[in-house]
Amino acid sequence: MKVKLAITAGFCMGVRRAMEIALAEANKGDGPFYTFGPLIHNKQVLELLESKSVIAVDNIDQLNEGTLLIRAHGIPPEQRKKLKDSNLRILDATCPRVARVQAIIRYNTNKGYTPVIVGDKDHAEVVGLMGYGKGRAHVINSKAEVENLPETEKLFVVAQTTQNEHSYQEIVEIIKKRNPQTIIFNTICEATHERQQEVRALADTVDGMVVVGGYNSGNTHRLVEISKESGIPTFHIETEKELDREKLSAMNVAGITAGASTPNWMIKKVVKELESIRSRRENFFGRWLRKTVKSMLLSSGLVALGAFSLSYASAVLSGTTPKLIYPLLAFLYIYAMHVLNRFLDKGASTYNDPEKAAFYRKNRVFLVLTGIVSAIIALILSYLLGTKIYLLMAGLCILGIIYSIPLVPMSLRHLWRYSKIKDIPGSKGLSEAFAWAVVIALLPLLGKDPIKWPSTIITFYLVFSMAYVRTALFDILQVQGDMIVGKETLPIILGENRALFLLKGIILSACLLLIIAPIFNLVTYFSFFLLVCFILLSVSLMSHEKGRIHSEPHTEYLVEASFILAGLLGLLWQGLS
């Protein structure tokens, strides 16, 4: 079945921020850690937090030590004062959008106005907002309830940040007719607005809509309402197990959106399950092609093909005649290391890529065998090419395997927090990029004399740059799962914005090098062709940054395509030369 995933599906900014604060604190393990009320409205996420010893409490009277996190919904000022007077260390994860509404209510109430809050009276956010109204706030949730508002008082109106925008505007219009002097503030979060608008737009292009989110999540319920109002079949589920496969199989295209408290890994599971449903209208060839390409992506076949292609392009760039044995070595090595490390480091794969994790479990024997065979063949071929090449390949294989194996004895791990190379902050991107650059740019040169060092250094940096950007971008996409298991990747260390800025700088430096180097005859003019590959990588970065590609597989396809394109351009250049 074809699936269209809403760009805005999943954590909103406020929830993502609260989760990142909670996970970062939980991973420190510095004493008891509590959240003041459930962190978000998602049962599965709360169960995950409980497994990391994050405890939700509604009363702090019995707490004498530890850290307490104020959730994204915010709290009333009297509760905030009580928390500050306690012995607890307080972390404030109130969503900035909610804090803005609190400030509006406090300011206008102090000026003598009476607040009207359009929202769900029992919702945590609204409870917090009411506290800033000095006991004078009115809460309504429908047009009929407008009649209960006082007519003579000076009123101002705000909305719960996750309200249905159309309903809010209808309520506001009625209030303005009764009391034209009423001051109106549209405090619906921009993310909520975009999410609701996208559901309306998506409804015109799909046969049915699946809304993923907690059954007690207000913003998820509003997405369900909007989808139903659009006139298409709508399915509200919490997990992929609740999908109605019989009804969905009658559809050709299904849309997916998700509430603001739904994590990426749950959305991915639903996408995988939906795509596995065989549409009655899908032809055999389309189904076979989709399954084949997806299998190559899941099995690391595409990334290995990318290494093959980049190795071929690197030879063309340095001005040497490409020999297929070296791209083949790159293919075998990269495939073997990706597959074997996947089994050695299960870590965050369940959260980062549930579909790939399930694929590896299902095809465990085949993948392990092909990974081992690939490594053996790579060693045999490198031995035939010479001792130096064999020793380098053997060293790379050993380093690749021990990357995910504990090196510090259990009895000494209390002295050093990093028992594996992969545990060292930021090591993943650097290790992978270095391995790519060595096997692609350096290994083919060991059988040559003399070595042209200027072109070698340039080729090494360009391969390192492409591989590093690839790994770091995927780390950005997978930051939620990495934080859950305590990995310290580049975006977790620097933050997503700084990480993206760094990657843009790397791409820019590589592009400048590709333009300047051939002018001084350091590499061939094929470098101008390779600019296209770096431009494609930059498109991947900017598409993620602008939210234009939400589906991780689509981003992976685009990134891997930039590597495969390098090889195709190399073939084209050879044909034109």
Protein backbone atom coordinates (compact mmCIF):
# COMPACT_ATOMS: atom_id res chain seq x y z
CA MET A 1 0.00 0.00 0.00
CA LYS A 2 1.18 3.51 -0.77
CA VAL A 3 1.55 5.66 2.32
CA LYS A 4 1.62 9.46 2.59
CA LEU A 5 3.11 10.62 5.86
CA ALA A 6 2.29 14.10 7.13
CA ILE A 7 5.41 16.27 7.44
CA THR A 8 4.18 17.62 10.78
CA ALA A 9 3.42 14.19 12.31
CA GLY A 10 4.99 13.50 15.69
CA PHE A 11 6.51 15.48 18.51
CA CYS A 12 5.90 19.21 18.48
CA MET A 13 8.66 21.55 19.60
CA GLY A 14 7.46 21.74 23.19
CA VAL A 15 7.13 17.98 23.65
CA ARG A 16 10.44 17.29 21.91
CA ARG A 17 12.15 19.80 24.18
CA ALA A 18 10.60 18.28 27.31
CA MET A 19 11.57 14.76 26.21
CA GLU A 20 15.14 15.77 25.47
CA ILE A 21 15.47 17.45 28.87
CA ALA A 22 13.98 14.38 30.59
CA LEU A 23 16.15 11.86 28.73
CA ALA A 24 19.33 13.88 29.18
CA GLU A 25 18.69 14.05 32.93
CA ALA A 26 17.68 10.39 33.20
CA ASN A 27 20.86 9.29 31.39
CA LYS A 28 22.99 11.08 34.00
CA GLY A 29 21.64 8.83 36.77
CA ASP A 30 22.18 11.52 39.42
CA GLY A 31 19.67 10.45 42.06
CA PRO A 32 15.86 10.25 42.01
CA PHE A 33 14.18 11.89 39.02
CA TYR A 34 10.49 12.85 38.91
CA THR A 35 8.11 14.62 36.55
CA PHE A 36 5.30 16.74 37.95
CA GLY A 37 2.43 14.82 36.42
CA PRO A 38 2.78 12.58 33.32
CA LEU A 39 5.33 14.16 30.97
CA ILE A 40 3.17 13.71 27.87
CA HIS A 41 -0.12 12.05 26.90
CA ASN A 42 1.33 8.85 25.47
CA LYS A 43 1.15 5.57 27.38
CA GLN A 44 4.04 3.93 25.53
CA VAL A 45 6.41 6.85 26.12
CA LEU A 46 5.47 6.98 29.80
CA GLU A 47 6.23 3.25 30.11
CA LEU A 48 9.60 3.90 28.47
CA LEU A 49 10.37 6.69 30.94
CA GLU A 50 9.39 4.44 33.84
CA SER A 51 11.90 1.85 32.58
CA LYS A 52 14.55 4.57 32.92
CA SER A 53 13.44 5.26 36.52
CA VAL A 54 11.60 8.48 35.67
CA ILE A 55 8.66 8.64 38.07
CA ALA A 56 5.55 10.78 37.54
CA VAL A 57 4.18 12.35 40.75
CA ASP A 58 1.24 14.63 41.50
CA ASN A 59 2.25 15.50 45.05
CA ILE A 60 5.69 16.44 46.37
CA ASP A 61 4.91 16.37 50.08
CA GLN A 62 6.75 13.09 50.61
CA LEU A 63 9.76 14.00 48.42
CA ASN A 64 12.87 15.23 50.18
CA GLU A 65 15.55 14.92 47.50
CA GLY A 66 16.05 14.50 43.79
CA THR A 67 15.16 16.37 40.62
CA LEU A 68 11.65 17.36 39.53
CA LEU A 69 10.76 18.27 35.95
CA ILE A 70 7.87 20.62 35.16
CA ARG A 71 6.25 19.21 32.04
CA ALA A 72 5.53 21.06 28.79
CA HIS A 73 1.91 21.81 29.78
CA GLY A 74 3.04 24.20 32.53
CA ILE A 75 1.65 24.60 36.04
CA PRO A 76 -0.23 27.28 38.04
CA PRO A 77 1.92 29.92 39.78
CA GLU A 78 0.96 28.75 43.28
CA GLN A 79 2.24 25.24 42.45
CA ARG A 80 5.42 26.73 41.00
CA LYS A 81 6.05 28.64 44.24
CA LYS A 82 5.53 25.47 46.27
CA LEU A 83 8.05 23.61 44.14
CA LYS A 84 10.65 26.36 44.50
CA ASP A 85 10.26 26.27 48.29
CA SER A 86 10.93 22.52 48.38
CA ASN A 87 14.29 20.78 48.68
CA LEU A 88 14.01 19.46 45.14
CA ARG A 89 16.11 20.56 42.18
CA ILE A 90 13.66 22.00 39.64
CA LEU A 91 13.94 21.71 35.84
CA ASP A 92 11.40 23.74 33.87
CA ALA A 93 10.29 22.17 30.57
CA THR A 94 7.22 24.40 30.12
CA CYS A 95 6.66 24.88 26.40
CA PRO A 96 7.63 28.45 25.37
CA ARG A 97 4.30 28.74 23.53
CA VAL A 98 2.41 27.85 26.72
CA ALA A 99 4.57 30.25 28.74
CA ARG A 100 3.56 33.01 26.31
CA VAL A 101 -0.14 32.35 26.97
CA GLN A 102 0.53 32.39 30.72
CA ALA A 103 2.21 35.78 30.34
CA ILE A 104 -0.74 37.16 28.32
CA ILE A 105 -3.20 36.06 30.99
CA ARG A 106 -1.11 37.45 33.85
CA TYR A 107 -0.55 40.81 32.12
CA ASN A 108 -4.14 41.44 31.05
CA THR A 109 -5.63 40.16 34.31
CA ASN A 110 -3.47 42.67 36.19
CA LYS A 111 -4.94 45.39 33.96
CA GLY A 112 -8.44 44.52 35.15
CA TYR A 113 -9.59 42.30 32.30
CA THR A 114 -11.34 38.96 32.81
CA PRO A 115 -9.74 36.00 31.00
CA VAL A 116 -11.70 33.60 28.84
CA ILE A 117 -9.84 30.40 27.98
CA VAL A 118 -11.14 28.31 25.09
CA GLY A 119 -10.04 24.77 25.85
CA ASP A 120 -10.62 21.57 27.78
CA LYS A 121 -11.24 22.48 31.42
CA ASP A 122 -9.53 19.39 32.83
CA HIS A 123 -6.51 19.49 30.53
CA ALA A 124 -3.19 20.06 32.33
CA GLU A 125 -2.33 23.09 30.19
CA VAL A 126 -5.67 24.77 30.90
CA VAL A 127 -5.41 24.04 34.63
CA GLY A 128 -2.06 25.80 34.58
CA LEU A 129 -3.42 28.77 32.60
CA MET A 130 -6.34 29.24 34.99
CA GLY A 131 -3.89 29.80 37.82
CA TYR A 132 -2.73 33.03 36.18
CA GLY A 133 -6.28 34.41 36.06
CA LYS A 134 -6.48 35.15 39.83
CA GLY A 135 -9.63 33.06 40.20
CA ARG A 136 -11.55 35.09 37.58
CA ALA A 137 -10.88 32.92 34.51
CA HIS A 138 -13.74 31.37 32.55
CA VAL A 139 -13.17 28.18 30.55
CA ILE A 140 -15.41 27.31 27.60
CA ASN A 141 -15.15 24.66 24.92
CA SER A 142 -18.13 25.21 22.61
CA LYS A 143 -20.26 27.90 21.02
CA ALA A 144 -23.15 27.05 23.33
CA GLU A 145 -21.05 27.86 26.41
CA VAL A 146 -20.54 31.47 25.27
CA GLU A 147 -23.94 32.24 26.82
CA ASN A 148 -22.44 31.59 30.26
CA LEU A 149 -19.92 34.42 29.95
CA PRO A 150 -20.54 37.78 31.71
CA GLU A 151 -21.70 40.50 29.30
CA THR A 152 -20.61 43.62 31.13
CA GLU A 153 -17.06 42.79 32.18
CA LYS A 154 -13.97 43.65 30.14
CA LEU A 155 -12.98 40.35 28.55
CA PHE A 156 -9.99 38.98 26.72
CA VAL A 157 -9.86 35.57 25.03
CA VAL A 158 -7.00 33.10 24.64
CA ALA A 159 -6.95 29.53 23.38
CA GLN A 160 -5.41 26.35 24.66
CA THR A 161 -2.43 25.99 22.33
CA THR A 162 -3.75 22.76 20.77
CA GLN A 163 -7.31 23.89 20.02
CA ASN A 164 -9.10 23.33 16.73
CA GLU A 165 -8.49 26.60 14.92
CA HIS A 166 -11.79 26.61 13.01
CA SER A 167 -13.79 25.96 16.18
CA TYR A 168 -11.86 28.67 18.02
CA GLN A 169 -12.62 31.24 15.32
CA GLU A 170 -16.34 30.35 15.42
CA ILE A 171 -16.41 30.80 19.21
CA VAL A 172 -14.51 34.10 18.94
CA GLU A 173 -17.00 35.45 16.39
CA ILE A 174 -19.92 34.81 18.77
CA ILE A 175 -18.09 36.41 21.70
CA LYS A 176 -17.31 39.51 19.60
CA LYS A 177 -20.97 39.87 18.65
CA ARG A 178 -22.01 39.80 22.32
CA ASN A 179 -19.16 42.00 23.50
CA PRO A 180 -17.44 43.96 20.67
CA GLN A 181 -14.83 45.36 23.08
CA THR A 182 -13.42 41.92 23.83
CA ILE A 183 -9.69 41.57 23.15
CA ILE A 184 -8.81 38.46 21.14
CA PHE A 185 -5.48 36.63 21.20
CA ASN A 186 -4.90 33.77 18.78
CA THR A 187 -2.63 31.65 20.97
CA ILE A 188 -3.03 28.40 19.05
CA CYS A 189 0.47 27.05 18.50
CA GLU A 190 1.82 27.43 14.96
CA ALA A 191 2.70 23.72 14.96
CA THR A 192 -0.92 22.91 15.83
CA HIS A 193 -2.14 25.17 13.03
CA GLU A 194 0.19 23.53 10.50
CA ARG A 195 -0.72 20.05 11.70
CA GLN A 196 -4.44 20.68 11.30
CA GLN A 197 -4.04 22.37 7.92
CA GLU A 198 -1.97 19.47 6.65
CA VAL A 199 -4.65 16.97 7.65
CA ARG A 200 -7.20 18.94 5.62
CA ALA A 201 -4.86 19.08 2.61
CA LEU A 202 -3.82 15.44 2.90
CA ALA A 203 -7.44 14.30 3.10
CA ASP A 204 -7.93 15.32 -0.55
CA THR A 205 -5.17 12.99 -1.76
CA VAL A 206 -5.74 9.77 0.20
CA ASP A 207 -8.43 7.13 0.54
CA GLY A 208 -8.27 7.03 4.33
CA MET A 209 -6.44 8.60 7.26
CA VAL A 210 -4.66 6.91 10.16
CA VAL A 211 -4.13 9.16 13.20
CA VAL A 212 -1.54 7.85 15.65
CA GLY A 213 -1.65 9.09 19.22
CA GLY A 214 -2.80 8.53 22.77
CA TYR A 215 -6.53 8.06 23.37
CA ASN A 216 -6.33 10.69 26.12
CA SER A 217 -4.44 13.21 23.97
CA GLY A 218 -6.53 16.31 23.24
CA ASN A 219 -4.56 17.44 20.17
CA THR A 220 -4.76 13.92 18.69
CA HIS A 221 -8.55 13.88 19.14
CA ARG A 222 -8.78 17.18 17.28
CA LEU A 223 -6.82 15.73 14.36
CA VAL A 224 -9.28 12.84 14.29
CA GLU A 225 -12.21 15.27 14.28
CA ILE A 226 -10.74 17.31 11.44
CA SER A 227 -10.06 14.19 9.38
CA LYS A 228 -13.63 12.96 9.88
CA GLU A 229 -14.99 16.38 8.96
CA SER A 230 -13.12 16.01 5.64
CA GLY A 231 -15.34 13.04 4.86
CA ILE A 232 -12.75 10.26 4.62
CA PRO A 233 -12.51 7.03 6.66
CA THR A 234 -10.46 7.81 9.77
CA PHE A 235 -8.72 5.37 12.11
CA HIS A 236 -7.47 6.57 15.51
CA ILE A 237 -4.88 4.13 16.87
CA GLU A 238 -2.20 4.08 19.54
CA THR A 239 -0.03 1.32 18.06
CA GLU A 240 0.35 -0.51 14.74
CA LYS A 241 -1.36 -3.57 16.24
CA GLU A 242 -4.70 -1.75 16.18
CA LEU A 243 -4.78 -1.20 12.41
CA ASP A 244 -7.89 -2.54 10.68
CA ARG A 245 -6.12 -4.42 7.89
CA GLU A 246 -9.36 -5.60 6.28
CA LYS A 247 -10.75 -2.09 5.76
CA LEU A 248 -7.38 -0.60 4.83
CA SER A 249 -6.70 -3.27 2.19
CA ALA A 250 -9.58 -1.84 0.17
CA MET A 251 -7.66 1.43 -0.15
CA ASN A 252 -4.85 2.34 -2.52
CA VAL A 253 -3.34 5.30 -0.66
CA ALA A 254 -3.43 5.85 3.10
CA GLY A 255 -2.45 9.02 4.92
CA ILE A 256 -0.75 9.08 8.31
CA THR A 257 -0.58 11.88 10.81
CA ALA A 258 0.18 11.80 14.52
CA GLY A 259 -0.43 13.77 17.68
CA ALA A 260 2.17 16.03 19.25
CA SER A 261 2.99 13.38 21.88
CA THR A 262 3.68 10.55 19.44
CA PRO A 263 7.35 9.58 19.06
CA ASN A 264 9.00 8.82 15.73
CA TRP A 265 9.56 5.14 16.43
CA MET A 266 5.83 4.56 16.91
CA ILE A 267 5.02 6.39 13.69
CA LYS A 268 7.62 4.31 11.83
CA LYS A 269 6.07 1.09 13.08
CA VAL A 270 2.67 2.19 11.76
CA VAL A 271 4.19 3.18 8.40
CA LYS A 272 5.88 -0.24 8.12
CA GLU A 273 2.67 -2.08 9.00
CA LEU A 274 0.62 -0.04 6.54
CA GLU A 275 3.10 -0.56 3.73
CA SER A 276 2.94 -4.31 4.36
CA ILE A 277 -0.81 -4.32 3.71
CA ARG A 278 -1.35 -5.47 0.16
CA SER A 279 -3.70 -3.11 -1.60
CA ARG A 280 -6.21 -4.89 -3.79
CA ARG A 281 -5.40 -2.35 -6.52
CA GLU A 282 -1.59 -2.68 -6.44
CA ASN A 283 -0.07 -4.56 -9.42
CA PHE A 284 2.59 -7.25 -9.10
CA PHE A 285 5.44 -5.28 -10.70
CA GLY A 286 4.90 -2.21 -8.51
CA ARG A 287 4.83 -4.37 -5.40
CA TRP A 288 7.98 -6.28 -6.45
CA LEU A 289 9.94 -3.11 -7.27
CA ARG A 290 9.01 -1.43 -4.00
CA LYS A 291 9.92 -4.51 -1.99
CA THR A 292 13.25 -4.97 -3.79
CA VAL A 293 14.41 -1.39 -3.28
CA LYS A 294 13.28 -1.42 0.35
CA SER A 295 15.13 -4.70 0.98
CA MET A 296 18.34 -3.21 -0.43
CA LEU A 297 17.97 -0.24 1.87
CA LEU A 298 17.23 -2.33 4.95
CA SER A 299 20.00 -4.86 4.32
CA SER A 300 22.73 -2.20 3.83
CA GLY A 301 22.93 -3.13 0.14
CA LEU A 302 22.36 0.48 -0.94
CA VAL A 303 25.05 1.92 1.31
CA ALA A 304 27.52 -0.71 0.03
CA LEU A 305 26.58 0.16 -3.55
CA GLY A 306 27.21 3.80 -2.65
CA ALA A 307 30.70 2.89 -1.42
CA PHE A 308 31.35 1.01 -4.68
CA SER A 309 30.25 4.03 -6.70
CA LEU A 310 32.22 6.55 -4.67
CA SER A 311 35.36 4.39 -4.95
CA TYR A 312 35.03 4.37 -8.73
CA ALA A 313 34.47 8.13 -8.80
CA SER A 314 37.50 8.73 -6.56
CA ALA A 315 39.77 6.94 -9.02
CA VAL A 316 38.44 9.10 -11.85
CA LEU A 317 38.91 12.23 -9.73
CA SER A 318 42.57 11.42 -8.96
CA GLY A 319 43.30 10.76 -12.63
CA THR A 320 43.97 7.02 -12.35
CA THR A 321 42.36 4.31 -14.45
CA PRO A 322 39.56 2.78 -12.36
CA LYS A 323 40.00 -0.92 -11.56
CA LEU A 324 36.81 -2.64 -10.48
CA ILE A 325 38.56 -4.69 -7.81
CA TYR A 326 39.00 -1.65 -5.56
CA PRO A 327 35.34 -0.54 -5.72
CA LEU A 328 34.48 -4.21 -5.08
CA LEU A 329 36.68 -4.19 -1.96
CA ALA A 330 34.90 -1.03 -0.79
CA PHE A 331 31.51 -2.69 -1.39
CA LEU A 332 32.43 -5.85 0.52
CA TYR A 333 34.03 -4.05 3.45
CA ILE A 334 31.26 -1.47 3.96
CA TYR A 335 28.54 -4.13 3.63
CA ALA A 336 30.27 -6.46 6.11
CA MET A 337 30.91 -3.77 8.71
CA HIS A 338 27.40 -2.32 8.52
CA VAL A 339 25.74 -5.73 8.82
CA LEU A 340 27.97 -7.15 11.56
CA ASN A 341 27.93 -3.99 13.65
CA ARG A 342 24.15 -3.94 13.43
CA PHE A 343 24.10 -7.25 15.33
CA LEU A 344 26.93 -6.30 17.69
CA ASP A 345 25.31 -2.97 18.58
CA LYS A 346 21.56 -3.48 18.90
CA GLY A 347 21.32 -0.35 21.07
CA ALA A 348 18.90 2.21 19.71
CA SER A 349 17.85 0.35 16.54
CA THR A 350 14.50 -0.65 18.05
CA TYR A 351 13.64 3.04 18.47
CA ASN A 352 15.56 4.60 15.59
CA ASP A 353 14.47 2.21 12.88
CA PRO A 354 11.96 -0.43 14.02
CA GLU A 355 11.50 -1.66 10.45
CA LYS A 356 15.23 -2.28 9.96
CA ALA A 357 15.48 -3.91 13.40
CA ALA A 358 12.61 -6.27 12.48
CA PHE A 359 14.21 -6.99 9.10
CA TYR A 360 17.48 -7.97 10.78
CA ARG A 361 15.71 -10.21 13.29
CA LYS A 362 13.80 -11.96 10.53
CA ASN A 363 16.83 -12.45 8.25
CA ARG A 364 19.45 -12.87 10.96
CA VAL A 365 21.11 -16.05 9.63
CA PHE A 366 21.30 -14.83 6.02
CA LEU A 367 22.67 -11.41 6.96
CA VAL A 368 25.27 -12.73 9.40
CA LEU A 369 26.50 -15.27 6.85
CA THR A 370 26.68 -12.75 4.00
CA GLY A 371 28.43 -10.27 6.29
CA ILE A 372 31.07 -12.81 7.32
CA VAL A 373 31.49 -14.08 3.74
CA SER A 374 31.88 -10.50 2.47
CA ALA A 375 34.63 -9.82 5.01
CA ILE A 376 36.44 -13.07 4.09
CA ILE A 377 36.25 -12.36 0.36
CA ALA A 378 37.55 -8.83 0.96
CA LEU A 379 40.52 -10.25 2.87
CA ILE A 380 41.25 -12.85 0.17
CA LEU A 381 41.13 -10.27 -2.63
CA SER A 382 43.29 -7.83 -0.69
CA TYR A 383 45.85 -10.60 -0.04
CA LEU A 384 46.05 -11.23 -3.79
CA LEU A 385 46.74 -7.52 -4.32
CA GLY A 386 49.72 -7.44 -1.99
CA THR A 387 50.83 -7.62 1.62
CA LYS A 388 50.38 -3.92 2.36
CA ILE A 389 46.80 -3.90 1.08
CA TYR A 390 46.02 -7.11 2.98
CA LEU A 391 47.40 -5.76 6.27
CA LEU A 392 45.45 -2.52 5.92
CA MET A 393 42.22 -4.36 5.09
CA ALA A 394 42.75 -6.75 8.00
CA GLY A 395 43.35 -3.81 10.33
CA LEU A 396 40.21 -2.07 9.12
CA CYS A 397 38.15 -5.23 9.67
CA ILE A 398 39.51 -5.66 13.20
CA LEU A 399 38.83 -2.02 14.07
CA GLY A 400 35.36 -2.25 12.56
CA ILE A 401 34.48 -5.29 14.69
CA ILE A 402 35.93 -4.08 18.00
CA TYR A 403 34.12 -0.74 17.58
CA SER A 404 31.02 -2.28 19.19
CA ILE A 405 32.70 -4.79 21.52
CA PRO A 406 33.41 -3.92 25.20
CA LEU A 407 37.15 -3.38 25.69
CA VAL A 408 37.14 -2.50 29.40
CA PRO A 409 36.72 -5.43 31.83
CA MET A 410 33.50 -5.44 33.83
CA SER A 411 35.45 -5.04 37.08
CA LEU A 412 37.01 -1.77 35.87
CA ARG A 413 34.05 -0.11 34.18
CA HIS A 414 33.27 1.97 37.25
CA LEU A 415 36.56 3.80 36.63
CA TRP A 416 35.83 4.65 32.99
CA ARG A 417 32.36 5.28 31.60
CA TYR A 418 33.29 4.29 28.04
CA SER A 419 33.68 0.51 27.74
CA LYS A 420 33.39 0.52 23.92
CA ILE A 421 34.83 2.79 21.24
CA LYS A 422 31.27 3.55 20.16
CA ASP A 423 30.52 4.94 23.64
CA ILE A 424 32.99 7.82 23.18
CA PRO A 425 30.94 10.97 22.38
CA GLY A 426 30.88 11.76 18.66
CA SER A 427 32.96 8.69 17.75
CA LYS A 428 30.40 7.17 15.38
CA GLY A 429 30.58 9.78 12.63
CA LEU A 430 34.36 10.15 12.80
CA SER A 431 35.01 6.38 12.84
CA GLU A 432 32.72 5.63 9.90
CA ALA A 433 33.97 8.53 7.79
CA PHE A 434 37.61 7.63 8.49
CA ALA A 435 37.02 3.98 7.51
CA TRP A 436 35.31 5.07 4.27
CA ALA A 437 38.15 7.44 3.40
CA VAL A 438 40.89 4.87 4.10
CA VAL A 439 39.31 2.01 2.15
CA ILE A 440 38.34 4.25 -0.79
CA ALA A 441 41.11 6.86 -1.03
CA LEU A 442 44.18 5.22 0.55
CA LEU A 443 43.92 1.46 0.07
CA PRO A 444 44.15 1.56 -3.80
CA LEU A 445 47.36 3.60 -3.57
CA LEU A 446 49.39 1.05 -1.59
CA GLY A 447 50.21 -0.86 -4.74
CA LYS A 448 51.44 2.25 -6.56
CA ASP A 449 54.76 4.05 -6.57
CA PRO A 450 55.11 6.98 -6.39
CA ILE A 451 52.00 8.20 -4.62
CA LYS A 452 50.62 11.57 -5.73
CA TRP A 453 50.02 12.99 -2.28
CA PRO A 454 48.19 16.24 -3.23
CA SER A 455 45.46 14.39 -5.14
CA THR A 456 45.39 11.67 -2.47
CA ILE A 457 44.85 14.16 0.35
CA ILE A 458 42.12 15.95 -1.59
CA THR A 459 40.35 12.69 -2.46
CA PHE A 460 40.67 11.54 1.16
CA TYR A 461 39.04 14.73 2.45
CA LEU A 462 36.22 14.63 -0.08
CA VAL A 463 35.35 11.00 0.70
CA PHE A 464 35.63 11.70 4.43
CA SER A 465 33.32 14.73 4.03
CA MET A 466 30.60 12.84 2.14
CA ALA A 467 30.70 9.90 4.56
CA TYR A 468 30.70 12.15 7.63
CA VAL A 469 27.75 14.23 6.41
CA ARG A 470 25.86 11.01 5.64
CA THR A 471 26.38 9.53 9.10
CA ALA A 472 25.77 12.80 10.97
CA LEU A 473 22.54 13.49 9.07
CA PHE A 474 21.21 10.04 9.99
CA ASP A 475 22.24 10.73 13.61
CA ILE A 476 20.09 13.87 13.48
CA LEU A 477 17.14 11.86 12.19
CA GLN A 478 17.65 9.27 14.91
CA VAL A 479 18.32 11.55 17.87
CA GLN A 480 15.24 10.38 19.83
CA GLY A 481 16.31 6.74 19.88
CA ASP A 482 19.94 7.63 20.63
CA MET A 483 18.90 9.73 23.62
CA ILE A 484 16.75 6.89 24.95
CA VAL A 485 19.70 4.48 25.08
CA GLY A 486 22.18 7.16 26.14
CA LYS A 487 24.26 7.48 22.95
CA GLU A 488 26.17 10.75 22.61
CA THR A 489 26.16 11.46 18.88
CA LEU A 490 27.04 14.75 17.20
CA PRO A 491 23.54 16.33 17.35
CA ILE A 492 23.17 15.34 21.02
CA ILE A 493 26.53 16.90 21.90
CA LEU A 494 26.16 20.08 19.83
CA GLY A 495 22.39 20.32 19.41
CA GLU A 496 20.60 19.86 16.09
CA ASN A 497 21.02 23.43 14.81
CA ARG A 498 24.76 23.54 15.49
CA ALA A 499 25.21 20.08 14.00
CA LEU A 500 23.42 21.18 10.81
CA PHE A 501 25.56 24.33 10.69
CA LEU A 502 28.72 22.22 10.95
CA LEU A 503 27.58 19.87 8.17
CA LYS A 504 26.80 22.81 5.90
CA GLY A 505 30.30 24.13 6.56
CA ILE A 506 31.82 20.77 5.62
CA ILE A 507 29.81 20.64 2.38
CA LEU A 508 30.78 24.22 1.53
CA SER A 509 34.49 23.53 2.12
CA ALA A 510 34.29 20.40 -0.05
CA CYS A 511 32.58 22.32 -2.86
CA LEU A 512 35.23 25.07 -2.75
CA LEU A 513 37.95 22.42 -2.89
CA LEU A 514 36.28 20.77 -5.90
CA ILE A 515 36.26 24.13 -7.70
CA ILE A 516 39.79 25.23 -6.84
CA ALA A 517 41.76 21.94 -7.01
CA PRO A 518 41.49 21.29 -10.79
CA ILE A 519 42.64 24.85 -11.54
CA PHE A 520 46.03 23.91 -10.04
CA ASN A 521 46.01 20.46 -11.70
CA LEU A 522 45.70 18.72 -8.33
CA VAL A 523 42.75 16.62 -9.54
CA THR A 524 40.91 16.16 -12.83
CA TYR A 525 38.13 18.44 -14.00
CA PHE A 526 35.77 15.61 -13.11
CA SER A 527 35.59 17.47 -9.78
CA PHE A 528 33.01 19.80 -11.34
CA PHE A 529 30.77 16.78 -11.94
CA LEU A 530 31.15 15.72 -8.30
CA LEU A 531 29.76 19.09 -7.22
CA VAL A 532 26.34 17.68 -8.11
CA CYS A 533 26.70 14.99 -5.41
CA PHE A 534 27.51 17.52 -2.71
CA ILE A 535 24.65 19.73 -3.87
CA LEU A 536 22.34 16.72 -3.53
CA LEU A 537 23.63 16.18 0.03
CA SER A 538 22.96 19.82 0.84
CA VAL A 539 19.42 19.42 -0.53
CA SER A 540 18.95 16.53 1.89
CA LEU A 541 20.10 18.70 4.80
CA MET A 542 17.92 21.65 3.87
CA SER A 543 14.90 19.44 3.16
CA HIS A 544 15.16 18.01 6.67
CA GLU A 545 15.72 21.46 8.16
CA LYS A 546 12.68 22.91 6.39
CA GLY A 547 10.56 19.88 7.22
CA ARG A 548 10.00 18.96 3.58
CA ILE A 549 11.02 15.34 4.06
CA HIS A 550 9.61 13.72 7.17
CA SER A 551 9.88 10.08 6.17
CA GLU A 552 13.32 8.75 7.12
CA PRO A 553 13.47 6.18 4.27
CA HIS A 554 12.91 8.97 1.75
CA THR A 555 15.82 10.89 3.25
CA GLU A 556 17.97 7.75 3.17
CA TYR A 557 17.15 7.18 -0.50
CA LEU A 558 18.11 10.76 -1.33
CA VAL A 559 21.40 10.57 0.59
CA GLU A 560 22.41 7.17 -0.80
CA ALA A 561 21.51 8.43 -4.27
CA SER A 562 24.22 11.11 -3.98
CA PHE A 563 26.84 8.36 -3.53
CA ILE A 564 25.51 6.17 -6.33
CA LEU A 565 25.30 9.22 -8.58
CA ALA A 566 29.05 9.78 -8.09
CA GLY A 567 29.78 6.45 -9.73
CA LEU A 568 27.36 7.08 -12.60
CA LEU A 569 28.96 10.46 -13.22
CA GLY A 570 32.36 8.75 -13.20
CA LEU A 571 31.18 6.38 -15.93
CA LEU A 572 29.83 9.32 -17.91
CA TRP A 573 33.14 11.18 -17.57
CA GLN A 574 35.07 8.12 -18.71
CA GLY A 575 32.80 7.81 -21.71
CA LEU A 576 33.28 11.45 -22.65
CA SER A 577 37.07 11.38 -22.16
